[in-house]
PDB file of N, CA and C in Angstrom:
ATOM      1  N   MET A   1       0.633  24.600 146.481  1.00  0.00           N
ATOM      2  CA  MET A   1       2.029  24.382 146.822  1.00  0.00           C
ATOM      3  C   MET A   1       2.539  25.590 147.589  1.00  0.00           C
ATOM      4  N   ASP A   2       3.110  25.344 148.738  1.00  0.00           N
ATOM      5  CA  ASP A   2       3.618  26.402 149.604  1.00  0.00           C
ATOM      6  C   ASP A   2       5.075  26.689 149.235  1.00  0.00           C
ATOM      7  N   ILE A   3       5.322  27.860 148.646  1.00  0.00           N
ATOM      8  CA  ILE A   3       6.663  28.213 148.191  1.00  0.00           C
ATOM      9  C   ILE A   3       7.622  28.363 149.364  1.00  0.00           C
ATOM     10  N   ASN A   4       7.138  28.844 150.506  1.00  0.00           N
ATOM     11  CA  ASN A   4       8.003  28.985 151.679  1.00  0.00           C
ATOM     12  C   ASN A   4       8.469  27.623 152.187  1.00  0.00           C
ATOM     13  N   LYS A   5       7.566  26.654 152.173  1.00  0.00           N
ATOM     14  CA  LYS A   5       7.923  25.300 152.598  1.00  0.00           C
ATOM     15  C   LYS A   5       8.945  24.700 151.637  1.00  0.00           C
ATOM     16  N   LEU A   6       8.741  24.919 150.366  1.00  0.00           N
ATOM     17  CA  LEU A   6       9.653  24.412 149.348  1.00  0.00           C
ATOM     18  C   LEU A   6      11.038  25.043 149.498  1.00  0.00           C
ATOM     19  N   MET A   7      11.082  26.341 149.744  1.00  0.00           N
ATOM     20  CA  MET A   7      12.359  27.040 149.931  1.00  0.00           C
ATOM     21  C   MET A   7      13.076  26.522 151.175  1.00  0.00           C
ATOM     22  N   LYS A   8      12.323  26.287 152.225  1.00  0.00           N
ATOM     23  CA  LYS A   8      12.922  25.772 153.463  1.00  0.00           C
ATOM     24  C   LYS A   8      13.510  24.386 153.227  1.00  0.00           C
ATOM     25  N   GLN A   9      12.794  23.540 152.489  1.00  0.00           N
ATOM     26  CA  GLN A   9      13.292  22.203 152.183  1.00  0.00           C
ATOM     27  C   GLN A   9      14.564  22.288 151.336  1.00  0.00           C
ATOM     28  N   ALA A  10      14.589  23.212 150.396  1.00  0.00           N
ATOM     29  CA  ALA A  10      15.774  23.381 149.549  1.00  0.00           C
ATOM     30  C   ALA A  10      16.965  23.834 150.382  1.00  0.00           C
ATOM     31  N   GLN A  11      16.740  24.733 151.326  1.00  0.00           N
ATOM     32  CA  GLN A  11      17.818  25.205 152.199  1.00  0.00           C
ATOM     33  C   GLN A  11      18.334  24.077 153.088  1.00  0.00           C
ATOM     34  N   GLN A  12      17.421  23.249 153.589  1.00  0.00           N
ATOM     35  CA  GLN A  12      17.828  22.119 154.420  1.00  0.00           C
ATOM     36  C   GLN A  12      18.644  21.114 153.605  1.00  0.00           C
ATOM     37  N   MET A  13      18.210  20.874 152.376  1.00  0.00           N
ATOM     38  CA  MET A  13      18.940  19.950 151.518  1.00  0.00           C
ATOM     39  C   MET A  13      20.332  20.499 151.215  1.00  0.00           C
ATOM     40  N   GLN A  14      20.409  21.798 150.951  1.00  0.00           N
ATOM     41  CA  GLN A  14      21.700  22.420 150.648  1.00  0.00           C
ATOM     42  C   GLN A  14      22.637  22.329 151.857  1.00  0.00           C
ATOM     43  N   ALA A  15      22.118  22.574 153.045  1.00  0.00           N
ATOM     44  CA  ALA A  15      22.935  22.477 154.256  1.00  0.00           C
ATOM     45  C   ALA A  15      23.396  21.037 154.472  1.00  0.00           C
ATOM     46  N   GLY A  16      22.512  20.103 154.230  1.00  0.00           N
ATOM     47  CA  GLY A  16      22.873  18.692 154.367  1.00  0.00           C
ATOM     48  C   GLY A  16      23.931  18.279 153.367  1.00  0.00           C
ATOM     49  N   MET A  17      23.828  18.784 152.151  1.00  0.00           N
ATOM     50  CA  MET A  17      24.808  18.452 151.121  1.00  0.00           C
ATOM     51  C   MET A  17      26.174  19.053 151.448  1.00  0.00           C
ATOM     52  N   GLN A  18      26.183  20.258 151.977  1.00  0.00           N
ATOM     53  CA  GLN A  18      27.453  20.886 152.348  1.00  0.00           C
ATOM     54  C   GLN A  18      28.119  20.096 153.466  1.00  0.00           C
ATOM     55  N   LYS A  19      27.328  19.668 154.440  1.00  0.00           N
ATOM     56  CA  LYS A  19      27.872  18.874 155.544  1.00  0.00           C
ATOM     57  C   LYS A  19      28.405  17.542 155.021  1.00  0.00           C
ATOM     58  N   ALA A  20      27.674  16.917 154.114  1.00  0.00           N
ATOM     59  CA  ALA A  20      28.104  15.635 153.543  1.00  0.00           C
ATOM     60  C   ALA A  20      29.408  15.801 152.772  1.00  0.00           C
ATOM     61  N   GLN A  21      29.541  16.890 152.019  1.00  0.00           N
ATOM     62  CA  GLN A  21      30.775  17.127 151.269  1.00  0.00           C
ATOM     63  C   GLN A  21      31.959  17.320 152.210  1.00  0.00           C
ATOM     64  N   GLU A  22      31.740  18.011 153.315  1.00  0.00           N
ATOM     65  CA  GLU A  22      32.804  18.197 154.304  1.00  0.00           C
ATOM     66  C   GLU A  22      33.211  16.855 154.915  1.00  0.00           C
ATOM     67  N   GLU A  23      32.228  16.014 155.200  1.00  0.00           N
ATOM     68  CA  GLU A  23      32.518  14.706 155.769  1.00  0.00           C
ATOM     69  C   GLU A  23      33.236  13.819 154.754  1.00  0.00           C
ATOM     70  N   LEU A  24      32.821  13.877 153.498  1.00  0.00           N
ATOM     71  CA  LEU A  24      33.464  13.073 152.462  1.00  0.00           C
ATOM     72  C   LEU A  24      34.935  13.454 152.295  1.00  0.00           C
ATOM     73  N   ALA A  25      35.249  14.709 152.526  1.00  0.00           N
ATOM     74  CA  ALA A  25      36.634  15.155 152.401  1.00  0.00           C
ATOM     75  C   ALA A  25      37.520  14.535 153.474  1.00  0.00           C
ATOM     76  N   THR A  26      36.911  14.033 154.553  1.00  0.00           N
ATOM     77  CA  THR A  26      37.699  13.423 155.627  1.00  0.00           C
ATOM     78  C   THR A  26      37.626  11.900 155.609  1.00  0.00           C
ATOM     79  N   GLN A  27      36.660  11.340 154.900  1.00  0.00           N
ATOM     80  CA  GLN A  27      36.536   9.885 154.809  1.00  0.00           C
ATOM     81  C   GLN A  27      37.453   9.369 153.718  1.00  0.00           C
ATOM     82  N   THR A  28      38.045   8.207 153.954  1.00  0.00           N
ATOM     83  CA  THR A  28      38.971   7.663 152.967  1.00  0.00           C
ATOM     84  C   THR A  28      38.530   6.309 152.442  1.00  0.00           C
ATOM     85  N   VAL A  29      39.020   6.020 151.253  1.00  0.00           N
ATOM     86  CA  VAL A  29      38.859   4.710 150.640  1.00  0.00           C
ATOM     87  C   VAL A  29      40.256   4.215 150.298  1.00  0.00           C
ATOM     88  N   GLU A  30      40.376   2.904 150.182  1.00  0.00           N
ATOM     89  CA  GLU A  30      41.673   2.318 149.888  1.00  0.00           C
ATOM     90  C   GLU A  30      41.549   1.390 148.688  1.00  0.00           C
ATOM     91  N   ALA A  31      42.474   1.513 147.758  1.00  0.00           N
ATOM     92  CA  ALA A  31      42.514   0.634 146.596  1.00  0.00           C
ATOM     93  C   ALA A  31      43.831  -0.130 146.630  1.00  0.00           C
ATOM     94  N   SER A  32      43.725  -1.427 146.470  1.00  0.00           N
ATOM     95  CA  SER A  32      44.899  -2.290 146.493  1.00  0.00           C
ATOM     96  C   SER A  32      44.998  -3.000 145.146  1.00  0.00           C
ATOM     97  N   VAL A  33      46.150  -2.889 144.491  1.00  0.00           N
ATOM     98  CA  VAL A  33      46.350  -3.525 143.192  1.00  0.00           C
ATOM     99  C   VAL A  33      47.647  -4.325 143.204  1.00  0.00           C
ATOM    100  N   GLY A  34      47.787  -5.178 142.211  1.00  0.00           N
ATOM    101  CA  GLY A  34      49.004  -5.986 142.117  1.00  0.00           C
ATOM    102  C   GLY A  34      49.147  -6.940 143.287  1.00  0.00           C
ATOM    103  N   GLY A  35      48.013  -7.499 143.713  1.00  0.00           N
ATOM    104  CA  GLY A  35      48.073  -8.425 144.835  1.00  0.00           C
ATOM    105  C   GLY A  35      48.463  -7.747 146.136  1.00  0.00           C
ATOM    106  N   GLY A  36      48.116  -6.474 146.273  1.00  0.00           N
ATOM    107  CA  GLY A  36      48.426  -5.739 147.498  1.00  0.00           C
ATOM    108  C   GLY A  36      49.799  -5.100 147.492  1.00  0.00           C
ATOM    109  N   LYS A  37      50.493  -5.171 146.376  1.00  0.00           N
ATOM    110  CA  LYS A  37      51.845  -4.603 146.289  1.00  0.00           C
ATOM    111  C   LYS A  37      51.828  -3.083 146.178  1.00  0.00           C
ATOM    112  N   VAL A  38      50.711  -2.523 145.676  1.00  0.00           N
ATOM    113  CA  VAL A  38      50.531  -1.078 145.619  1.00  0.00           C
ATOM    114  C   VAL A  38      49.183  -0.761 146.255  1.00  0.00           C
ATOM    115  N   VAL A  39      49.207   0.133 147.236  1.00  0.00           N
ATOM    116  CA  VAL A  39      47.987   0.532 147.939  1.00  0.00           C
ATOM    117  C   VAL A  39      47.876   2.055 147.860  1.00  0.00           C
ATOM    118  N   VAL A  40      46.700   2.526 147.441  1.00  0.00           N
ATOM    119  CA  VAL A  40      46.458   3.962 147.307  1.00  0.00           C
ATOM    120  C   VAL A  40      45.289   4.331 148.208  1.00  0.00           C
ATOM    121  N   VAL A  41      45.459   5.399 148.969  1.00  0.00           N
ATOM    122  CA  VAL A  41      44.408   5.910 149.851  1.00  0.00           C
ATOM    123  C   VAL A  41      43.971   7.270 149.315  1.00  0.00           C
ATOM    124  N   ALA A  42      42.645   7.432 149.155  1.00  0.00           N
ATOM    125  CA  ALA A  42      42.086   8.693 148.662  1.00  0.00           C
ATOM    126  C   ALA A  42      40.872   9.064 149.499  1.00  0.00           C
ATOM    127  N   THR A  43      40.510  10.337 149.451  1.00  0.00           N
ATOM    128  CA  THR A  43      39.327  10.801 150.175  1.00  0.00           C
ATOM    129  C   THR A  43      38.101  10.682 149.277  1.00  0.00           C
ATOM    130  N   GLY A  44      36.940  10.835 149.893  1.00  0.00           N
ATOM    131  CA  GLY A  44      35.694  10.849 149.145  1.00  0.00           C
ATOM    132  C   GLY A  44      35.602  12.055 148.223  1.00  0.00           C
ATOM    133  N   ALA A  45      36.463  13.043 148.453  1.00  0.00           N
ATOM    134  CA  ALA A  45      36.508  14.218 147.581  1.00  0.00           C
ATOM    135  C   ALA A  45      37.437  13.990 146.390  1.00  0.00           C
ATOM    136  N   GLY A  46      38.103  12.829 146.354  1.00  0.00           N
ATOM    137  CA  GLY A  46      38.961  12.496 145.230  1.00  0.00           C
ATOM    138  C   GLY A  46      40.419  12.894 145.384  1.00  0.00           C
ATOM    139  N   ASP A  47      40.819  13.297 146.588  1.00  0.00           N
ATOM    140  CA  ASP A  47      42.208  13.668 146.819  1.00  0.00           C
ATOM    141  C   ASP A  47      43.012  12.442 147.237  1.00  0.00           C
ATOM    142  N   VAL A  48      44.107  12.156 146.525  1.00  0.00           N
ATOM    143  CA  VAL A  48      44.977  11.037 146.878  1.00  0.00           C
ATOM    144  C   VAL A  48      45.811  11.473 148.075  1.00  0.00           C
ATOM    145  N   GLN A  49      45.759  10.665 149.152  1.00  0.00           N
ATOM    146  CA  GLN A  49      46.470  11.019 150.372  1.00  0.00           C
ATOM    147  C   GLN A  49      47.743  10.219 150.586  1.00  0.00           C
ATOM    148  N   ASP A  50      47.769   8.991 150.079  1.00  0.00           N
ATOM    149  CA  ASP A  50      48.924   8.148 150.362  1.00  0.00           C
ATOM    150  C   ASP A  50      49.065   7.078 149.288  1.00  0.00           C
ATOM    151  N   ILE A  51      50.291   6.737 148.989  1.00  0.00           N
ATOM    152  CA  ILE A  51      50.591   5.622 148.096  1.00  0.00           C
ATOM    153  C   ILE A  51      51.674   4.797 148.768  1.00  0.00           C
ATOM    154  N   LYS A  52      51.390   3.501 148.928  1.00  0.00           N
ATOM    155  CA  LYS A  52      52.363   2.587 149.529  1.00  0.00           C
ATOM    156  C   LYS A  52      52.784   1.577 148.461  1.00  0.00           C
ATOM    157  N   ILE A  53      54.091   1.388 148.327  1.00  0.00           N
ATOM    158  CA  ILE A  53      54.623   0.463 147.333  1.00  0.00           C
ATOM    159  C   ILE A  53      55.512  -0.547 148.049  1.00  0.00           C
ATOM    160  N   ASP A  54      55.204  -1.814 147.856  1.00  0.00           N
ATOM    161  CA  ASP A  54      56.024  -2.875 148.423  1.00  0.00           C
ATOM    162  C   ASP A  54      57.383  -2.846 147.719  1.00  0.00           C
ATOM    163  N   PRO A  55      58.464  -2.698 148.476  1.00  0.00           N
ATOM    164  CA  PRO A  55      59.796  -2.623 147.855  1.00  0.00           C
ATOM    165  C   PRO A  55      60.149  -3.821 146.971  1.00  0.00           C
ATOM    166  N   SER A  56      59.506  -4.948 147.198  1.00  0.00           N
ATOM    167  CA  SER A  56      59.844  -6.143 146.415  1.00  0.00           C
ATOM    168  C   SER A  56      59.481  -6.008 144.933  1.00  0.00           C
ATOM    169  N   ILE A  57      58.623  -5.047 144.587  1.00  0.00           N
ATOM    170  CA  ILE A  57      58.255  -4.913 143.170  1.00  0.00           C
ATOM    171  C   ILE A  57      59.019  -3.789 142.481  1.00  0.00           C
ATOM    172  N   ILE A  58      59.935  -3.165 143.182  1.00  0.00           N
ATOM    173  CA  ILE A  58      60.719  -2.098 142.570  1.00  0.00           C
ATOM    174  C   ILE A  58      61.881  -2.731 141.800  1.00  0.00           C
ATOM    175  N   ASP A  59      61.761  -2.672 140.494  1.00  0.00           N
ATOM    176  CA  ASP A  59      62.764  -3.240 139.593  1.00  0.00           C
ATOM    177  C   ASP A  59      63.217  -2.133 138.647  1.00  0.00           C
ATOM    178  N   PRO A  60      64.454  -1.662 138.803  1.00  0.00           N
ATOM    179  CA  PRO A  60      64.928  -0.564 137.947  1.00  0.00           C
ATOM    180  C   PRO A  60      64.854  -0.879 136.448  1.00  0.00           C
ATOM    181  N   ASP A  61      64.851  -2.157 136.124  1.00  0.00           N
ATOM    182  CA  ASP A  61      64.787  -2.538 134.718  1.00  0.00           C
ATOM    183  C   ASP A  61      63.359  -2.635 134.195  1.00  0.00           C
ATOM    184  N   ASP A  62      62.371  -2.480 135.084  1.00  0.00           N
ATOM    185  CA  ASP A  62      60.976  -2.579 134.657  1.00  0.00           C
ATOM    186  C   ASP A  62      60.128  -1.521 135.364  1.00  0.00           C
ATOM    187  N   ALA A  63      60.511  -0.270 135.186  1.00  0.00           N
ATOM    188  CA  ALA A  63      59.775   0.839 135.802  1.00  0.00           C
ATOM    189  C   ALA A  63      58.352   0.929 135.258  1.00  0.00           C
ATOM    190  N   GLU A  64      58.150   0.517 134.022  1.00  0.00           N
ATOM    191  CA  GLU A  64      56.843   0.607 133.396  1.00  0.00           C
ATOM    192  C   GLU A  64      55.791  -0.197 134.167  1.00  0.00           C
ATOM    193  N   PHE A  65      56.160  -1.378 134.652  1.00  0.00           N
ATOM    194  CA  PHE A  65      55.238  -2.209 135.432  1.00  0.00           C
ATOM    195  C   PHE A  65      54.777  -1.472 136.689  1.00  0.00           C
ATOM    196  N   LEU A  66      55.717  -0.870 137.395  1.00  0.00           N
ATOM    197  CA  LEU A  66      55.377  -0.137 138.613  1.00  0.00           C
ATOM    198  C   LEU A  66      54.521   1.081 138.293  1.00  0.00           C
ATOM    199  N   GLN A  67      54.844   1.774 137.219  1.00  0.00           N
ATOM    200  CA  GLN A  67      54.055   2.935 136.821  1.00  0.00           C
ATOM    201  C   GLN A  67      52.610   2.541 136.527  1.00  0.00           C
ATOM    202  N   GLU A  68      52.438   1.428 135.829  1.00  0.00           N
ATOM    203  CA  GLU A  68      51.093   0.953 135.507  1.00  0.00           C
ATOM    204  C   GLU A  68      50.310   0.595 136.766  1.00  0.00           C
ATOM    205  N   LEU A  69      50.984  -0.062 137.725  1.00  0.00           N
ATOM    206  CA  LEU A  69      50.299  -0.413 138.974  1.00  0.00           C
ATOM    207  C   LEU A  69      49.891   0.832 139.758  1.00  0.00           C
ATOM    208  N   VAL A  70      50.786   1.800 139.843  1.00  0.00           N
ATOM    209  CA  VAL A  70      50.468   3.032 140.572  1.00  0.00           C
ATOM    210  C   VAL A  70      49.300   3.749 139.906  1.00  0.00           C
ATOM    211  N   LEU A  71      49.341   3.865 138.589  1.00  0.00           N
ATOM    212  CA  LEU A  71      48.248   4.520 137.870  1.00  0.00           C
ATOM    213  C   LEU A  71      46.926   3.789 138.099  1.00  0.00           C
ATOM    214  N   LYS A  72      46.952   2.480 137.990  1.00  0.00           N
ATOM    215  CA  LYS A  72      45.728   1.693 138.201  1.00  0.00           C
ATOM    216  C   LYS A  72      45.210   1.881 139.627  1.00  0.00           C
ATOM    217  N   GLY A  73      46.113   1.888 140.600  1.00  0.00           N
ATOM    218  CA  GLY A  73      45.709   2.082 141.995  1.00  0.00           C
ATOM    219  C   GLY A  73      45.088   3.443 142.227  1.00  0.00           C
ATOM    220  N   VAL A  74      45.676   4.474 141.648  1.00  0.00           N
ATOM    221  CA  VAL A  74      45.142   5.831 141.796  1.00  0.00           C
ATOM    222  C   VAL A  74      43.761   5.920 141.147  1.00  0.00           C
ATOM    223  N   GLN A  75      43.631   5.383 139.952  1.00  0.00           N
ATOM    224  CA  GLN A  75      42.340   5.416 139.270  1.00  0.00           C
ATOM    225  C   GLN A  75      41.271   4.678 140.074  1.00  0.00           C
ATOM    226  N   GLU A  76      41.627   3.521 140.619  1.00  0.00           N
ATOM    227  CA  GLU A  76      40.665   2.742 141.402  1.00  0.00           C
ATOM    228  C   GLU A  76      40.268   3.464 142.678  1.00  0.00           C
ATOM    229  N   ALA A  77      41.239   4.079 143.354  1.00  0.00           N
ATOM    230  CA  ALA A  77      40.936   4.809 144.586  1.00  0.00           C
ATOM    231  C   ALA A  77      40.020   5.991 144.316  1.00  0.00           C
ATOM    232  N   ILE A  78      40.273   6.717 143.246  1.00  0.00           N
ATOM    233  CA  ILE A  78      39.429   7.864 142.913  1.00  0.00           C
ATOM    234  C   ILE A  78      38.019   7.398 142.547  1.00  0.00           C
ATOM    235  N   THR A  79      37.918   6.303 141.816  1.00  0.00           N
ATOM    236  CA  THR A  79      36.602   5.752 141.470  1.00  0.00           C
ATOM    237  C   THR A  79      35.847   5.347 142.724  1.00  0.00           C
ATOM    238  N   LYS A  80      36.526   4.686 143.658  1.00  0.00           N
ATOM    239  CA  LYS A  80      35.872   4.292 144.916  1.00  0.00           C
ATOM    240  C   LYS A  80      35.418   5.520 145.697  1.00  0.00           C
ATOM    241  N   GLY A  81      36.239   6.562 145.723  1.00  0.00           N
ATOM    242  CA  GLY A  81      35.865   7.793 146.410  1.00  0.00           C
ATOM    243  C   GLY A  81      34.648   8.442 145.785  1.00  0.00           C
ATOM    244  N   LYS A  82      34.614   8.475 144.451  1.00  0.00           N
ATOM    245  CA  LYS A  82      33.460   9.051 143.756  1.00  0.00           C
ATOM    246  C   LYS A  82      32.202   8.225 144.000  1.00  0.00           C
ATOM    247  N   ASP A  83      32.348   6.903 144.020  1.00  0.00           N
ATOM    248  CA  ASP A  83      31.194   6.044 144.294  1.00  0.00           C
ATOM    249  C   ASP A  83      30.654   6.287 145.695  1.00  0.00           C
ATOM    250  N   MET A  84      31.571   6.443 146.665  1.00  0.00           N
ATOM    251  CA  MET A  84      31.155   6.721 148.034  1.00  0.00           C
ATOM    252  C   MET A  84      30.428   8.072 148.086  1.00  0.00           C
ATOM    253  N   ALA A  85      30.976   9.075 147.418  1.00  0.00           N
ATOM    254  CA  ALA A  85      30.358  10.404 147.397  1.00  0.00           C
ATOM    255  C   ALA A  85      28.992  10.357 146.734  1.00  0.00           C
ATOM    256  N   SER A  86      28.897   9.640 145.641  1.00  0.00           N
ATOM    257  CA  SER A  86      27.626   9.529 144.931  1.00  0.00           C
ATOM    258  C   SER A  86      26.569   8.877 145.805  1.00  0.00           C
ATOM    259  N   GLY A  87      26.963   7.852 146.538  1.00  0.00           N
ATOM    260  CA  GLY A  87      26.031   7.177 147.439  1.00  0.00           C
ATOM    261  C   GLY A  87      25.530   8.096 148.539  1.00  0.00           C
ATOM    262  N   GLU A  88      26.442   8.894 149.092  1.00  0.00           N
ATOM    263  CA  GLU A  88      26.053   9.827 150.153  1.00  0.00           C
ATOM    264  C   GLU A  88      25.126  10.912 149.619  1.00  0.00           C
ATOM    265  N   MET A  89      25.430  11.434 148.449  1.00  0.00           N
ATOM    266  CA  MET A  89      24.589  12.484 147.870  1.00  0.00           C
ATOM    267  C   MET A  89      23.218  11.923 147.490  1.00  0.00           C
ATOM    268  N   SER A  90      23.182  10.691 147.038  1.00  0.00           N
ATOM    269  CA  SER A  90      21.917  10.058 146.673  1.00  0.00           C
ATOM    270  C   SER A  90      21.013   9.928 147.904  1.00  0.00           C
ATOM    271  N   LYS A  91      21.612   9.653 149.064  1.00  0.00           N
ATOM    272  CA  LYS A  91      20.827   9.569 150.302  1.00  0.00           C
ATOM    273  C   LYS A  91      20.169  10.918 150.601  1.00  0.00           C
ATOM    274  N   LEU A  92      20.907  11.995 150.364  1.00  0.00           N
ATOM    275  CA  LEU A  92      20.388  13.331 150.663  1.00  0.00           C
ATOM    276  C   LEU A  92      19.317  13.789 149.686  1.00  0.00           C
ATOM    277  N   THR A  93      19.472  13.404 148.434  1.00  0.00           N
ATOM    278  CA  THR A  93      18.525  13.872 147.420  1.00  0.00           C
ATOM    279  C   THR A  93      17.375  12.910 147.198  1.00  0.00           C
ATOM    280  N   GLY A  94      17.363  11.814 147.928  1.00  0.00           N
ATOM    281  CA  GLY A  94      16.290  10.853 147.789  1.00  0.00           C
ATOM    282  C   GLY A  94      16.287  10.170 146.438  1.00  0.00           C
ATOM    283  N   GLY A  95      17.461  10.077 145.820  1.00  0.00           N
ATOM    284  CA  GLY A  95      17.584   9.422 144.531  1.00  0.00           C
ATOM    285  C   GLY A  95      17.277  10.312 143.343  1.00  0.00           C
ATOM    286  N   MET A  96      16.909  11.568 143.614  1.00  0.00           N
ATOM    287  CA  MET A  96      16.652  12.495 142.497  1.00  0.00           C
ATOM    288  C   MET A  96      17.967  12.795 141.798  1.00  0.00           C
ATOM    289  N   ASN A  97      17.941  12.865 140.498  1.00  0.00           N
ATOM    290  CA  ASN A  97      19.130  13.184 139.726  1.00  0.00           C
ATOM    291  C   ASN A  97      19.208  14.698 139.570  1.00  0.00           C
ATOM    292  N   ILE A  98      20.014  15.345 140.417  1.00  0.00           N
ATOM    293  CA  ILE A  98      20.127  16.794 140.368  1.00  0.00           C
ATOM    294  C   ILE A  98      21.417  17.138 139.629  1.00  0.00           C
ATOM    295  N   PRO A  99      21.337  17.885 138.531  1.00  0.00           N
ATOM    296  CA  PRO A  99      22.526  18.210 137.744  1.00  0.00           C
ATOM    297  C   PRO A  99      23.611  18.850 138.584  1.00  0.00           C
ATOM    298  N   GLY A 100      24.861  18.423 138.350  1.00  0.00           N
ATOM    299  CA  GLY A 100      25.996  19.000 139.062  1.00  0.00           C
ATOM    300  C   GLY A 100      26.338  18.327 140.362  1.00  0.00           C
ATOM    301  N   LEU A 101      25.572  17.330 140.788  1.00  0.00           N
ATOM    302  CA  LEU A 101      25.837  16.674 142.058  1.00  0.00           C
ATOM    303  C   LEU A 101      26.452  15.297 141.918  1.00  0.00           C
ATOM    304  N   SER A 102      26.396  14.715 140.747  1.00  0.00           N
ATOM    305  CA  SER A 102      26.925  13.382 140.606  1.00  0.00           C
ATOM    306  C   SER A 102      28.357  13.396 140.154  1.00  0.00           C
TER     307      SER A 102
END
């Protein structure tokens, strides 16, 4: 086993992973809940960028419903972003389960 070759491969993988993480920070996913009444946009890095709420569901007497929809939308968007990130990292690692990357 050539240790220099192994080190070079590790460096290439690390550079590829850093580039993928930078790209994921700019890629977005969208989660729509409540029949499209609440839409949340998040990055592959898990940052929520936008929340759109259809004014027709804003009811001052039922704020709890809107809160639940927003929370569900945020959770779904973050999950989609993590799934996208996991898929990209899996491509780089060849499916190997490397601790700290998932």
